[in-house]
């Protein structure tokens, strides 16, 4: 069963956006970023797309 996050539909803070950019720049995978930020993978993916942040894909 998927992990549940209690931050459902919470607005993104400036600090969270900076952390997302930093983690994505380091090449972390979506799942790892999701755990580190306690946000869902979908939320991370959507926000990254809005801000033009590239997330590494595992192969």
Protein backbone atom coordinates (compact mmCIF):
# COMPACT_ATOMS: atom_id res chain seq x y z
CA UNK A 1 0.00 0.00 0.00
CA UNK A 2 1.24 3.48 -0.83
CA UNK A 3 2.52 5.73 1.91
CA UNK A 4 0.08 8.33 3.19
CA UNK A 5 1.10 11.94 3.56
CA UNK A 6 -0.72 14.22 5.96
CA UNK A 7 0.15 17.38 4.00
CA UNK A 8 -2.66 16.91 1.48
CA UNK A 9 -3.15 20.02 -0.66
CA UNK A 10 -0.93 22.24 1.47
CA UNK A 11 0.59 25.24 -0.34
CA UNK A 12 4.30 25.13 -1.15
CA UNK A 13 6.57 27.36 0.89
CA UNK A 14 9.62 29.17 -0.47
CA UNK A 15 11.88 26.89 1.62
CA UNK A 16 10.25 23.77 0.18
CA UNK A 17 10.74 25.03 -3.36
CA UNK A 18 14.41 25.71 -2.67
CA UNK A 19 14.80 22.23 -1.17
CA UNK A 20 13.08 20.66 -4.20
CA UNK A 21 15.45 22.48 -6.55
CA UNK A 22 18.47 21.41 -4.49
CA UNK A 23 17.46 17.74 -4.30
CA UNK A 24 16.60 17.60 -8.00
CA UNK A 25 19.93 19.25 -8.86
CA UNK A 26 21.72 16.54 -6.85
CA UNK A 27 20.06 13.95 -9.09
CA UNK A 28 17.85 12.32 -6.49
CA UNK A 29 15.01 10.12 -7.70
CA UNK A 30 11.38 11.12 -7.36
CA UNK A 31 10.68 8.55 -4.64
CA UNK A 32 13.65 9.74 -2.54
CA UNK A 33 12.64 13.38 -2.92
CA UNK A 34 9.10 12.47 -1.94
CA UNK A 35 10.25 10.82 1.28
CA UNK A 36 12.67 13.61 2.13
CA UNK A 37 10.01 16.28 1.72
CA UNK A 38 7.03 14.30 3.09
CA UNK A 39 4.99 15.06 -0.01
CA UNK A 40 3.45 12.69 -2.52
CA UNK A 41 5.28 11.79 -5.72
CA UNK A 42 2.43 13.33 -7.73
CA UNK A 43 2.71 16.59 -5.83
CA UNK A 44 6.47 16.71 -6.39
CA UNK A 45 6.07 15.88 -10.07
CA UNK A 46 3.38 18.51 -10.61
CA UNK A 47 5.33 21.25 -8.83
CA UNK A 48 8.54 20.39 -10.67
CA UNK A 49 6.70 20.65 -13.98
CA UNK A 50 5.24 24.06 -13.03
CA UNK A 51 8.68 25.39 -12.06
CA UNK A 52 10.55 23.71 -14.92
CA UNK A 53 12.65 21.54 -12.60
CA UNK A 54 13.99 18.30 -14.07
CA UNK A 55 13.68 15.20 -11.88
CA UNK A 56 16.05 12.28 -12.52
CA UNK A 57 14.47 9.11 -13.85
CA UNK A 58 15.69 5.74 -12.62
CA UNK A 59 16.56 3.28 -15.38
